[in-house]
PDB file of N, CA and C in Angstrom:
ATOM      1  N   MET A   1      34.306 143.150  65.582  1.00  0.00           N
ATOM      2  CA  MET A   1      35.389 144.097  65.404  1.00  0.00           C
ATOM      3  C   MET A   1      36.679 143.314  65.134  1.00  0.00           C
ATOM      4  N   ARG A   2      37.456 143.800  64.222  1.00  0.00           N
ATOM      5  CA  ARG A   2      38.681 143.101  63.846  1.00  0.00           C
ATOM      6  C   ARG A   2      39.718 143.167  64.948  1.00  0.00           C
ATOM      7  N   GLU A   3      40.387 142.045  65.129  1.00  0.00           N
ATOM      8  CA  GLU A   3      41.431 141.967  66.155  1.00  0.00           C
ATOM      9  C   GLU A   3      42.623 142.815  65.725  1.00  0.00           C
ATOM     10  N   GLY A   4      43.111 143.631  66.617  1.00  0.00           N
ATOM     11  CA  GLY A   4      44.235 144.510  66.332  1.00  0.00           C
ATOM     12  C   GLY A   4      43.833 145.940  66.053  1.00  0.00           C
ATOM     13  N   LEU A   5      42.541 146.166  65.854  1.00  0.00           N
ATOM     14  CA  LEU A   5      42.089 147.522  65.547  1.00  0.00           C
ATOM     15  C   LEU A   5      42.181 148.432  66.772  1.00  0.00           C
ATOM     16  N   ILE A   6      41.816 147.911  67.929  1.00  0.00           N
ATOM     17  CA  ILE A   6      41.868 148.715  69.159  1.00  0.00           C
ATOM     18  C   ILE A   6      43.302 149.121  69.502  1.00  0.00           C
ATOM     19  N   PRO A   7      44.291 148.199  69.474  1.00  0.00           N
ATOM     20  CA  PRO A   7      45.666 148.648  69.753  1.00  0.00           C
ATOM     21  C   PRO A   7      46.185 149.664  68.731  1.00  0.00           C
ATOM     22  N   ALA A   8      45.790 149.508  67.471  1.00  0.00           N
ATOM     23  CA  ALA A   8      46.256 150.450  66.450  1.00  0.00           C
ATOM     24  C   ALA A   8      45.674 151.846  66.682  1.00  0.00           C
ATOM     25  N   VAL A   9      44.396 151.921  67.015  1.00  0.00           N
ATOM     26  CA  VAL A   9      43.763 153.216  67.273  1.00  0.00           C
ATOM     27  C   VAL A   9      44.316 153.826  68.559  1.00  0.00           C
ATOM     28  N   LEU A  10      44.458 153.000  69.583  1.00  0.00           N
ATOM     29  CA  LEU A  10      45.034 153.481  70.840  1.00  0.00           C
ATOM     30  C   LEU A  10      46.461 153.990  70.611  1.00  0.00           C
ATOM     31  N   GLY A  11      47.234 153.280  69.805  1.00  0.00           N
ATOM     32  CA  GLY A  11      48.589 153.712  69.490  1.00  0.00           C
ATOM     33  C   GLY A  11      48.623 155.042  68.764  1.00  0.00           C
ATOM     34  N   THR A  12      47.646 155.269  67.908  1.00  0.00           N
ATOM     35  CA  THR A  12      47.572 156.549  67.199  1.00  0.00           C
ATOM     36  C   THR A  12      47.321 157.701  68.162  1.00  0.00           C
ATOM     37  N   VAL A  13      46.418 157.486  69.113  1.00  0.00           N
ATOM     38  CA  VAL A  13      46.117 158.521  70.102  1.00  0.00           C
ATOM     39  C   VAL A  13      47.330 158.791  70.991  1.00  0.00           C
ATOM     40  N   VAL A  14      47.994 157.709  71.435  1.00  0.00           N
ATOM     41  CA  VAL A  14      49.152 157.867  72.312  1.00  0.00           C
ATOM     42  C   VAL A  14      50.309 158.519  71.561  1.00  0.00           C
ATOM     43  N   THR A  15      50.484 158.182  70.287  1.00  0.00           N
ATOM     44  CA  THR A  15      51.545 158.787  69.484  1.00  0.00           C
ATOM     45  C   THR A  15      51.299 160.288  69.310  1.00  0.00           C
ATOM     46  N   ALA A  16      50.061 160.660  69.080  1.00  0.00           N
ATOM     47  CA  ALA A  16      49.740 162.089  68.959  1.00  0.00           C
ATOM     48  C   ALA A  16      50.002 162.822  70.274  1.00  0.00           C
ATOM     49  N   SER A  17      49.683 162.172  71.379  1.00  0.00           N
ATOM     50  CA  SER A  17      49.956 162.791  72.684  1.00  0.00           C
ATOM     51  C   SER A  17      51.456 162.960  72.907  1.00  0.00           C
ATOM     52  N   GLY A  18      52.217 161.941  72.533  1.00  0.00           N
ATOM     53  CA  GLY A  18      53.668 162.020  72.673  1.00  0.00           C
ATOM     54  C   GLY A  18      54.275 163.091  71.788  1.00  0.00           C
ATOM     55  N   ALA A  19      53.732 163.232  70.580  1.00  0.00           N
ATOM     56  CA  ALA A  19      54.235 164.264  69.677  1.00  0.00           C
ATOM     57  C   ALA A  19      53.966 165.658  70.220  1.00  0.00           C
ATOM     58  N   SER A  20      52.829 165.826  70.868  1.00  0.00           N
ATOM     59  CA  SER A  20      52.547 167.144  71.439  1.00  0.00           C
ATOM     60  C   SER A  20      53.432 167.423  72.659  1.00  0.00           C
ATOM     61  N   LEU A  21      53.818 166.374  73.377  1.00  0.00           N
ATOM     62  CA  LEU A  21      54.715 166.558  74.521  1.00  0.00           C
ATOM     63  C   LEU A  21      56.145 166.905  74.091  1.00  0.00           C
ATOM     64  N   LEU A  22      56.515 166.534  72.873  1.00  0.00           N
ATOM     65  CA  LEU A  22      57.867 166.847  72.390  1.00  0.00           C
ATOM     66  C   LEU A  22      58.104 168.345  72.292  1.00  0.00           C
ATOM     67  N   LYS A  23      57.041 169.105  72.106  1.00  0.00           N
ATOM     68  CA  LYS A  23      57.170 170.552  71.954  1.00  0.00           C
ATOM     69  C   LYS A  23      57.172 171.284  73.293  1.00  0.00           C
ATOM     70  N   SER A  24      56.952 170.556  74.382  1.00  0.00           N
ATOM     71  CA  SER A  24      56.914 171.187  75.703  1.00  0.00           C
ATOM     72  C   SER A  24      58.249 170.973  76.417  1.00  0.00           C
ATOM     73  N   LYS A  25      58.270 171.295  77.692  1.00  0.00           N
ATOM     74  CA  LYS A  25      59.505 171.108  78.451  1.00  0.00           C
ATOM     75  C   LYS A  25      59.714 169.655  78.869  1.00  0.00           C
ATOM     76  N   TYR A  26      58.767 168.781  78.577  1.00  0.00           N
ATOM     77  CA  TYR A  26      58.850 167.360  78.936  1.00  0.00           C
ATOM     78  C   TYR A  26      59.257 166.513  77.726  1.00  0.00           C
ATOM     79  N   LYS A  27      60.367 166.840  77.098  1.00  0.00           N
ATOM     80  CA  LYS A  27      60.790 166.159  75.877  1.00  0.00           C
ATOM     81  C   LYS A  27      61.139 164.688  76.108  1.00  0.00           C
ATOM     82  N   LEU A  28      61.751 164.374  77.242  1.00  0.00           N
ATOM     83  CA  LEU A  28      62.114 162.991  77.519  1.00  0.00           C
ATOM     84  C   LEU A  28      60.874 162.123  77.711  1.00  0.00           C
ATOM     85  N   ILE A  29      59.905 162.633  78.426  1.00  0.00           N
ATOM     86  CA  ILE A  29      58.651 161.897  78.612  1.00  0.00           C
ATOM     87  C   ILE A  29      57.924 161.772  77.276  1.00  0.00           C
ATOM     88  N   GLY A  30      57.944 162.828  76.482  1.00  0.00           N
ATOM     89  CA  GLY A  30      57.319 162.798  75.158  1.00  0.00           C
ATOM     90  C   GLY A  30      57.934 161.752  74.257  1.00  0.00           C
ATOM     91  N   THR A  31      59.250 161.589  74.338  1.00  0.00           N
ATOM     92  CA  THR A  31      59.924 160.574  73.535  1.00  0.00           C
ATOM     93  C   THR A  31      59.488 159.172  73.948  1.00  0.00           C
ATOM     94  N   GLY A  32      59.380 158.941  75.244  1.00  0.00           N
ATOM     95  CA  GLY A  32      58.937 157.635  75.729  1.00  0.00           C
ATOM     96  C   GLY A  32      57.508 157.329  75.333  1.00  0.00           C
ATOM     97  N   VAL A  33      56.631 158.314  75.482  1.00  0.00           N
ATOM     98  CA  VAL A  33      55.222 158.123  75.120  1.00  0.00           C
ATOM     99  C   VAL A  33      55.091 157.912  73.613  1.00  0.00           C
ATOM    100  N   LEU A  34      55.867 158.640  72.838  1.00  0.00           N
ATOM    101  CA  LEU A  34      55.841 158.490  71.386  1.00  0.00           C
ATOM    102  C   LEU A  34      56.269 157.080  70.980  1.00  0.00           C
ATOM    103  N   GLY A  35      57.327 156.580  71.574  1.00  0.00           N
ATOM    104  CA  GLY A  35      57.780 155.217  71.271  1.00  0.00           C
ATOM    105  C   GLY A  35      56.772 154.163  71.687  1.00  0.00           C
ATOM    106  N   PHE A  36      56.140 154.372  72.832  1.00  0.00           N
ATOM    107  CA  PHE A  36      55.113 153.450  73.316  1.00  0.00           C
ATOM    108  C   PHE A  36      53.931 153.412  72.347  1.00  0.00           C
ATOM    109  N   GLY A  37      53.540 154.565  71.851  1.00  0.00           N
ATOM    110  CA  GLY A  37      52.441 154.633  70.885  1.00  0.00           C
ATOM    111  C   GLY A  37      52.794 153.983  69.565  1.00  0.00           C
ATOM    112  N   LEU A  38      54.020 154.215  69.099  1.00  0.00           N
ATOM    113  CA  LEU A  38      54.444 153.586  67.842  1.00  0.00           C
ATOM    114  C   LEU A  38      54.496 152.070  67.963  1.00  0.00           C
ATOM    115  N   ALA A  39      54.897 151.577  69.130  1.00  0.00           N
ATOM    116  CA  ALA A  39      54.916 150.126  69.351  1.00  0.00           C
ATOM    117  C   ALA A  39      53.495 149.565  69.282  1.00  0.00           C
ATOM    118  N   HIS A  40      52.523 150.282  69.833  1.00  0.00           N
ATOM    119  CA  HIS A  40      51.141 149.823  69.762  1.00  0.00           C
ATOM    120  C   HIS A  40      50.632 149.809  68.320  1.00  0.00           C
ATOM    121  N   ILE A  41      51.011 150.805  67.549  1.00  0.00           N
ATOM    122  CA  ILE A  41      50.594 150.835  66.141  1.00  0.00           C
ATOM    123  C   ILE A  41      51.169 149.641  65.396  1.00  0.00           C
ATOM    124  N   VAL A  42      52.437 149.358  65.609  1.00  0.00           N
ATOM    125  CA  VAL A  42      53.079 148.238  64.921  1.00  0.00           C
ATOM    126  C   VAL A  42      52.440 146.910  65.323  1.00  0.00           C
ATOM    127  N   LEU A  43      52.242 146.707  66.618  1.00  0.00           N
ATOM    128  CA  LEU A  43      51.654 145.455  67.083  1.00  0.00           C
ATOM    129  C   LEU A  43      50.203 145.312  66.625  1.00  0.00           C
ATOM    130  N   GLY A  44      49.453 146.385  66.612  1.00  0.00           N
ATOM    131  CA  GLY A  44      48.087 146.331  66.105  1.00  0.00           C
ATOM    132  C   GLY A  44      48.042 146.035  64.622  1.00  0.00           C
ATOM    133  N   ALA A  45      48.967 146.617  63.862  1.00  0.00           N
ATOM    134  CA  ALA A  45      49.026 146.349  62.420  1.00  0.00           C
ATOM    135  C   ALA A  45      49.398 144.894  62.150  1.00  0.00           C
ATOM    136  N   ILE A  46      50.298 144.353  62.953  1.00  0.00           N
ATOM    137  CA  ILE A  46      50.654 142.936  62.799  1.00  0.00           C
ATOM    138  C   ILE A  46      49.430 142.061  63.041  1.00  0.00           C
ATOM    139  N   ASP A  47      48.654 142.355  64.070  1.00  0.00           N
ATOM    140  CA  ASP A  47      47.435 141.592  64.344  1.00  0.00           C
ATOM    141  C   ASP A  47      46.427 141.736  63.213  1.00  0.00           C
ATOM    142  N   LEU A  48      46.290 142.934  62.674  1.00  0.00           N
ATOM    143  CA  LEU A  48      45.344 143.138  61.579  1.00  0.00           C
ATOM    144  C   LEU A  48      45.728 142.336  60.341  1.00  0.00           C
ATOM    145  N   VAL A  49      46.997 142.287  60.022  1.00  0.00           N
ATOM    146  CA  VAL A  49      47.467 141.558  58.848  1.00  0.00           C
ATOM    147  C   VAL A  49      47.408 140.056  59.094  1.00  0.00           C
ATOM    148  N   GLU A  50      47.737 139.642  60.302  1.00  0.00           N
ATOM    149  CA  GLU A  50      47.786 138.216  60.630  1.00  0.00           C
ATOM    150  C   GLU A  50      46.404 137.587  60.641  1.00  0.00           C
ATOM    151  N   HIS A  51      45.399 138.288  61.092  1.00  0.00           N
ATOM    152  CA  HIS A  51      44.060 137.734  61.235  1.00  0.00           C
ATOM    153  C   HIS A  51      43.100 138.247  60.154  1.00  0.00           C
ATOM    154  N   ARG A  52      43.538 138.208  58.946  1.00  0.00           N
ATOM    155  CA  ARG A  52      42.682 138.656  57.828  1.00  0.00           C
ATOM    156  C   ARG A  52      41.564 137.723  57.580  1.00  0.00           C
TER     157      ARG A  52
END
């Protein structure tokens, strides 16, 4: 399995969870979770590109 794929997929799931929280009464928590997920996507993409 390619290095960086797991963080990228995990980041996608966490970002989707954060986006769904933005529509609820927990907007601040949703923003934090969304940012955390986006950071995982970016770091996973960097690993995928770096270890081609």
